[in-house]
């Protein structure tokens, strides 16, 4: 292909390519220059015979492979079978590349979701249990000073501190339960 041909794009909706797409089989042709889409390629205007293979894997269609020559003879059955095997493997390579790309996108999405979940957990722990534990530490400092001066009030403050500690422990258990993988729950 020359620089002009490299820029040519066809939809595969007319002529030889459309027939290959519709049948899923190779289409042997001569005179590609007379085809409504292949005729757009300068390189095919001097070709006297060729084959168009649909490039597919399973139900996925990726394009077409055009093999053409200036020789006036049609390709042999052995040559056609070899080219069919080649294009079949190329289709599988495209399918594998697509599956790999989808797998990478899913992996990236899972990593992104994991990072977001960790950031949310860090915020929740900072805003909830961490703040309560800090408050609890200050409350205990107050109780230490209060014990000698007012034991009754110190006992009441200890009860409040115990309730705060129980509530904080419950919040931490809830956060850990949410983080626990589902697979551990089923086992």
C-alpha atoms as a PDB file:
ATOM      1  CA  UNK A   1       0.000   0.000   0.000  1.00  0.00           C
ATOM      2  CA  UNK A   2       1.190   3.489  -0.732  1.00  0.00           C
ATOM      3  CA  UNK A   3       0.587   6.543   1.470  1.00  0.00           C
ATOM      4  CA  UNK A   4      -2.722   7.214  -0.328  1.00  0.00           C
ATOM      5  CA  UNK A   5      -3.955   3.647   0.288  1.00  0.00           C
ATOM      6  CA  UNK A   6      -2.991   3.774   3.967  1.00  0.00           C
ATOM      7  CA  UNK A   7      -5.486   6.600   4.438  1.00  0.00           C
ATOM      8  CA  UNK A   8      -8.364   4.847   2.655  1.00  0.00           C
ATOM      9  CA  UNK A   9     -11.091   3.475   4.930  1.00  0.00           C
ATOM     10  CA  UNK A  10     -14.007   1.386   3.733  1.00  0.00           C
ATOM     11  CA  UNK A  11     -17.083   0.243   5.634  1.00  0.00           C
ATOM     12  CA  UNK A  12     -17.362  -3.238   4.138  1.00  0.00           C
ATOM     13  CA  UNK A  13     -20.986  -2.706   3.185  1.00  0.00           C
ATOM     14  CA  UNK A  14     -20.666  -3.187  -0.571  1.00  0.00           C
ATOM     15  CA  UNK A  15     -18.980  -5.578  -2.944  1.00  0.00           C
ATOM     16  CA  UNK A  16     -16.440  -8.259  -2.120  1.00  0.00           C
ATOM     17  CA  UNK A  17     -15.827  -7.259   1.498  1.00  0.00           C
ATOM     18  CA  UNK A  18     -19.569  -7.138   2.223  1.00  0.00           C
ATOM     19  CA  UNK A  19     -19.967 -10.624   0.724  1.00  0.00           C
ATOM     20  CA  UNK A  20     -17.121 -11.984   2.889  1.00  0.00           C
ATOM     21  CA  UNK A  21     -18.687 -10.405   5.979  1.00  0.00           C
ATOM     22  CA  UNK A  22     -22.149 -11.760   5.134  1.00  0.00           C
ATOM     23  CA  UNK A  23     -21.035 -15.331   4.406  1.00  0.00           C
ATOM     24  CA  UNK A  24     -18.166 -15.535   6.876  1.00  0.00           C
ATOM     25  CA  UNK A  25     -16.167 -17.228   4.115  1.00  0.00           C
ATOM     26  CA  UNK A  26     -13.295 -16.261   1.849  1.00  0.00           C
ATOM     27  CA  UNK A  27     -14.249 -14.600  -1.414  1.00  0.00           C
ATOM     28  CA  UNK A  28     -11.939 -15.210  -4.361  1.00  0.00           C
ATOM     29  CA  UNK A  29     -11.948 -12.362  -6.863  1.00  0.00           C
ATOM     30  CA  UNK A  30     -10.303 -11.093  -9.989  1.00  0.00           C
ATOM     31  CA  UNK A  31     -10.289  -7.464 -11.010  1.00  0.00           C
ATOM     32  CA  UNK A  32     -10.497  -5.815  -7.574  1.00  0.00           C
ATOM     33  CA  UNK A  33     -10.354  -2.484  -9.380  1.00  0.00           C
ATOM     34  CA  UNK A  34     -14.001  -2.966 -10.412  1.00  0.00           C
ATOM     35  CA  UNK A  35     -15.215  -3.454  -6.830  1.00  0.00           C
ATOM     36  CA  UNK A  36     -16.936  -0.396  -5.263  1.00  0.00           C
ATOM     37  CA  UNK A  37     -14.720  -0.498  -2.170  1.00  0.00           C
ATOM     38  CA  UNK A  38     -11.568  -2.374  -3.194  1.00  0.00           C
ATOM     39  CA  UNK A  39     -11.335  -0.171  -6.285  1.00  0.00           C
ATOM     40  CA  UNK A  40     -10.523   2.754  -3.972  1.00  0.00           C
ATOM     41  CA  UNK A  41      -7.089   1.230  -3.258  1.00  0.00           C
ATOM     42  CA  UNK A  42      -4.439   2.077  -5.865  1.00  0.00           C
ATOM     43  CA  UNK A  43      -2.467  -1.063  -5.069  1.00  0.00           C
ATOM     44  CA  UNK A  44      -5.420  -3.294  -5.967  1.00  0.00           C
ATOM     45  CA  UNK A  45      -5.961  -1.637  -9.347  1.00  0.00           C
ATOM     46  CA  UNK A  46      -3.021  -3.560 -10.821  1.00  0.00           C
ATOM     47  CA  UNK A  47      -3.986  -6.891  -9.231  1.00  0.00           C
ATOM     48  CA  UNK A  48      -5.544  -9.600 -11.377  1.00  0.00           C
ATOM     49  CA  UNK A  49      -6.588 -12.011  -8.624  1.00  0.00           C
ATOM     50  CA  UNK A  50      -7.080 -12.013  -4.899  1.00  0.00           C
ATOM     51  CA  UNK A  51      -8.929 -13.297  -1.876  1.00  0.00           C
ATOM     52  CA  UNK A  52     -10.871 -11.444   0.816  1.00  0.00           C
ATOM     53  CA  UNK A  53     -11.065 -13.133   4.206  1.00  0.00           C
ATOM     54  CA  UNK A  54     -13.288 -11.913   7.025  1.00  0.00           C
ATOM     55  CA  UNK A  55     -11.129 -11.322  10.098  1.00  0.00           C
ATOM     56  CA  UNK A  56     -13.193 -12.804  12.885  1.00  0.00           C
ATOM     57  CA  UNK A  57     -13.100 -14.930  16.010  1.00  0.00           C
ATOM     58  CA  UNK A  58     -16.343 -16.477  17.161  1.00  0.00           C
ATOM     59  CA  UNK A  59     -19.079 -13.916  16.617  1.00  0.00           C
ATOM     60  CA  UNK A  60     -16.711 -10.938  16.721  1.00  0.00           C
ATOM     61  CA  UNK A  61     -15.832  -9.337  13.374  1.00  0.00           C
ATOM     62  CA  UNK A  62     -12.652  -7.250  13.332  1.00  0.00           C
ATOM     63  CA  UNK A  63     -12.276  -6.419   9.649  1.00  0.00           C
ATOM     64  CA  UNK A  64     -11.050  -8.056   6.479  1.00  0.00           C
ATOM     65  CA  UNK A  65      -7.756  -9.324   5.123  1.00  0.00           C
ATOM     66  CA  UNK A  66      -7.208  -8.768   1.406  1.00  0.00           C
ATOM     67  CA  UNK A  67      -4.486 -10.799  -0.274  1.00  0.00           C
ATOM     68  CA  UNK A  68      -4.000  -9.977  -3.947  1.00  0.00           C
ATOM     69  CA  UNK A  69      -1.456 -10.445  -6.701  1.00  0.00           C
ATOM     70  CA  UNK A  70      -0.724  -9.185 -10.163  1.00  0.00           C
ATOM     71  CA  UNK A  71      -0.587 -12.797 -11.400  1.00  0.00           C
ATOM     72  CA  UNK A  72      -3.631 -13.785 -13.470  1.00  0.00           C
ATOM     73  CA  UNK A  73      -4.103 -17.175 -11.794  1.00  0.00           C
ATOM     74  CA  UNK A  74      -6.434 -17.980  -8.891  1.00  0.00           C
ATOM     75  CA  UNK A  75      -4.917 -19.316  -5.657  1.00  0.00           C
ATOM     76  CA  UNK A  76      -4.815 -23.107  -5.167  1.00  0.00           C
ATOM     77  CA  UNK A  77      -7.011 -24.870  -2.600  1.00  0.00           C
ATOM     78  CA  UNK A  78      -3.912 -25.526  -0.498  1.00  0.00           C
ATOM     79  CA  UNK A  79      -2.956 -21.845  -0.651  1.00  0.00           C
ATOM     80  CA  UNK A  80      -6.522 -20.808   0.264  1.00  0.00           C
ATOM     81  CA  UNK A  81      -6.514 -23.178   3.252  1.00  0.00           C
ATOM     82  CA  UNK A  82      -3.163 -21.846   4.441  1.00  0.00           C
ATOM     83  CA  UNK A  83      -4.386 -18.246   4.185  1.00  0.00           C
ATOM     84  CA  UNK A  84      -7.647 -19.184   5.961  1.00  0.00           C
ATOM     85  CA  UNK A  85      -5.645 -20.678   8.846  1.00  0.00           C
ATOM     86  CA  UNK A  86      -3.503 -17.533   8.999  1.00  0.00           C
ATOM     87  CA  UNK A  87      -6.504 -15.184   9.095  1.00  0.00           C
ATOM     88  CA  UNK A  88      -8.235 -17.422  11.636  1.00  0.00           C
ATOM     89  CA  UNK A  89      -5.207 -17.141  13.929  1.00  0.00           C
ATOM     90  CA  UNK A  90      -5.095 -13.379  13.345  1.00  0.00           C
ATOM     91  CA  UNK A  91      -8.774 -13.145  14.385  1.00  0.00           C
ATOM     92  CA  UNK A  92      -8.012 -15.064  17.563  1.00  0.00           C
ATOM     93  CA  UNK A  93      -5.097 -12.694  18.246  1.00  0.00           C
ATOM     94  CA  UNK A  94      -7.461  -9.720  17.907  1.00  0.00           C
ATOM     95  CA  UNK A  95      -9.966 -11.413  20.219  1.00  0.00           C
ATOM     96  CA  UNK A  96      -7.224 -12.110  22.778  1.00  0.00           C
ATOM     97  CA  UNK A  97      -6.083  -8.495  22.605  1.00  0.00           C
ATOM     98  CA  UNK A  98      -9.660  -7.336  23.159  1.00  0.00           C
ATOM     99  CA  UNK A  99     -10.101  -9.705  26.112  1.00  0.00           C
ATOM    100  CA  UNK A 100      -6.776  -8.587  27.574  1.00  0.00           C
ATOM    101  CA  UNK A 101      -7.813  -4.942  27.239  1.00  0.00           C
ATOM    102  CA  UNK A 102     -11.154  -5.669  28.939  1.00  0.00           C
ATOM    103  CA  UNK A 103      -9.341  -7.565  31.688  1.00  0.00           C
ATOM    104  CA  UNK A 104      -6.961  -4.638  32.251  1.00  0.00           C
ATOM    105  CA  UNK A 105      -9.872  -2.191  32.359  1.00  0.00           C
ATOM    106  CA  UNK A 106     -11.666  -4.371  34.923  1.00  0.00           C
ATOM    107  CA  UNK A 107      -8.467  -4.685  36.960  1.00  0.00           C
ATOM    108  CA  UNK A 108      -7.984  -0.899  36.845  1.00  0.00           C
ATOM    109  CA  UNK A 109     -11.609  -0.395  37.911  1.00  0.00           C
ATOM    110  CA  UNK A 110     -11.179  -2.803  40.843  1.00  0.00           C
ATOM    111  CA  UNK A 111      -7.974  -1.063  41.933  1.00  0.00           C
ATOM    112  CA  UNK A 112      -9.700   2.337  41.671  1.00  0.00           C
ATOM    113  CA  UNK A 113     -12.673   1.069  43.691  1.00  0.00           C
ATOM    114  CA  UNK A 114     -10.318  -0.414  46.300  1.00  0.00           C
ATOM    115  CA  UNK A 115      -8.426   2.878  46.647  1.00  0.00           C
ATOM    116  CA  UNK A 116     -11.690   4.812  46.990  1.00  0.00           C
ATOM    117  CA  UNK A 117     -12.965   2.345  49.611  1.00  0.00           C
ATOM    118  CA  UNK A 118      -9.717   2.613  51.574  1.00  0.00           C
ATOM    119  CA  UNK A 119      -9.843   6.412  51.461  1.00  0.00           C
ATOM    120  CA  UNK A 120     -13.465   6.370  52.647  1.00  0.00           C
ATOM    121  CA  UNK A 121     -12.565   3.956  55.445  1.00  0.00           C
ATOM    122  CA  UNK A 122      -9.670   6.182  56.504  1.00  0.00           C
ATOM    123  CA  UNK A 123     -12.003   9.218  56.586  1.00  0.00           C
ATOM    124  CA  UNK A 124     -14.664   7.270  58.479  1.00  0.00           C
ATOM    125  CA  UNK A 125     -12.144   5.965  61.027  1.00  0.00           C
ATOM    126  CA  UNK A 126     -10.678   9.435  61.462  1.00  0.00           C
ATOM    127  CA  UNK A 127     -14.047  11.130  61.848  1.00  0.00           C
ATOM    128  CA  UNK A 128     -15.586   8.404  64.034  1.00  0.00           C
ATOM    129  CA  UNK A 129     -13.623   6.017  66.270  1.00  0.00           C
ATOM    130  CA  UNK A 130     -10.350   7.965  66.183  1.00  0.00           C
ATOM    131  CA  UNK A 131     -12.061  11.142  67.368  1.00  0.00           C
ATOM    132  CA  UNK A 132     -13.912   9.214  70.077  1.00  0.00           C
ATOM    133  CA  UNK A 133     -10.708   7.561  71.309  1.00  0.00           C
ATOM    134  CA  UNK A 134      -8.984  10.952  71.435  1.00  0.00           C
ATOM    135  CA  UNK A 135     -11.936  12.317  73.403  1.00  0.00           C
ATOM    136  CA  UNK A 136     -11.832   9.253  75.638  1.00  0.00           C
ATOM    137  CA  UNK A 137      -8.125   9.859  76.388  1.00  0.00           C
ATOM    138  CA  UNK A 138      -8.890  13.469  77.376  1.00  0.00           C
ATOM    139  CA  UNK A 139     -11.839  12.272  79.474  1.00  0.00           C
ATOM    140  CA  UNK A 140      -9.576   9.768  81.296  1.00  0.00           C
ATOM    141  CA  UNK A 141      -7.040  12.532  81.995  1.00  0.00           C
ATOM    142  CA  UNK A 142      -9.877  14.568  83.515  1.00  0.00           C
ATOM    143  CA  UNK A 143     -11.011  11.561  85.589  1.00  0.00           C
ATOM    144  CA  UNK A 144      -7.464  11.022  86.964  1.00  0.00           C
ATOM    145  CA  UNK A 145      -7.460  14.619  88.228  1.00  0.00           C
ATOM    146  CA  UNK A 146     -11.036  14.316  89.494  1.00  0.00           C
ATOM    147  CA  UNK A 147     -10.599  11.055  91.495  1.00  0.00           C
ATOM    148  CA  UNK A 148      -9.012  12.731  94.521  1.00  0.00           C
ATOM    149  CA  UNK A 149     -11.181  15.861  94.432  1.00  0.00           C
ATOM    150  CA  UNK A 150     -14.645  14.430  93.707  1.00  0.00           C
ATOM    151  CA  UNK A 151     -14.872  10.587  93.640  1.00  0.00           C
ATOM    152  CA  UNK A 152     -18.649  10.570  92.960  1.00  0.00           C
ATOM    153  CA  UNK A 153     -18.284  12.735  89.850  1.00  0.00           C
ATOM    154  CA  UNK A 154     -15.213  10.685  88.817  1.00  0.00           C
ATOM    155  CA  UNK A 155     -17.319   7.495  88.994  1.00  0.00           C
ATOM    156  CA  UNK A 156     -20.014   9.082  86.801  1.00  0.00           C
ATOM    157  CA  UNK A 157     -17.342  10.167  84.304  1.00  0.00           C
ATOM    158  CA  UNK A 158     -15.939   6.605  84.291  1.00  0.00           C
ATOM    159  CA  UNK A 159     -19.414   5.295  83.365  1.00  0.00           C
ATOM    160  CA  UNK A 160     -19.566   7.782  80.482  1.00  0.00           C
ATOM    161  CA  UNK A 161     -16.064   6.755  79.390  1.00  0.00           C
ATOM    162  CA  UNK A 162     -17.044   3.060  79.495  1.00  0.00           C
ATOM    163  CA  UNK A 163     -20.109   3.746  77.324  1.00  0.00           C
ATOM    164  CA  UNK A 164     -17.950   5.708  74.857  1.00  0.00           C
ATOM    165  CA  UNK A 165     -15.407   2.848  74.732  1.00  0.00           C
ATOM    166  CA  UNK A 166     -18.173   0.279  74.100  1.00  0.00           C
ATOM    167  CA  UNK A 167     -19.699   2.412  71.334  1.00  0.00           C
ATOM    168  CA  UNK A 168     -16.294   2.942  69.723  1.00  0.00           C
ATOM    169  CA  UNK A 169     -15.528  -0.803  69.854  1.00  0.00           C
ATOM    170  CA  UNK A 170     -18.897  -1.466  68.187  1.00  0.00           C
ATOM    171  CA  UNK A 171     -18.108   1.038  65.389  1.00  0.00           C
ATOM    172  CA  UNK A 172     -14.695  -0.571  64.808  1.00  0.00           C
ATOM    173  CA  UNK A 173     -16.256  -4.075  64.689  1.00  0.00           C
ATOM    174  CA  UNK A 174     -18.806  -2.823  62.159  1.00  0.00           C
ATOM    175  CA  UNK A 175     -16.044  -1.337  59.985  1.00  0.00           C
ATOM    176  CA  UNK A 176     -14.067  -4.598  60.157  1.00  0.00           C
ATOM    177  CA  UNK A 177     -17.178  -6.611  59.277  1.00  0.00           C
ATOM    178  CA  UNK A 178     -17.733  -4.440  56.190  1.00  0.00           C
ATOM    179  CA  UNK A 179     -14.110  -5.022  55.141  1.00  0.00           C
ATOM    180  CA  UNK A 180     -14.310  -8.782  55.607  1.00  0.00           C
ATOM    181  CA  UNK A 181     -14.236 -10.534  52.199  1.00  0.00           C
ATOM    182  CA  UNK A 182     -17.449 -12.287  51.177  1.00  0.00           C
ATOM    183  CA  UNK A 183     -15.491 -15.512  50.580  1.00  0.00           C
ATOM    184  CA  UNK A 184     -14.737 -15.731  54.319  1.00  0.00           C
ATOM    185  CA  UNK A 185     -18.446 -15.408  55.080  1.00  0.00           C
ATOM    186  CA  UNK A 186     -19.327 -18.388  52.856  1.00  0.00           C
ATOM    187  CA  UNK A 187     -16.604 -20.560  54.376  1.00  0.00           C
END
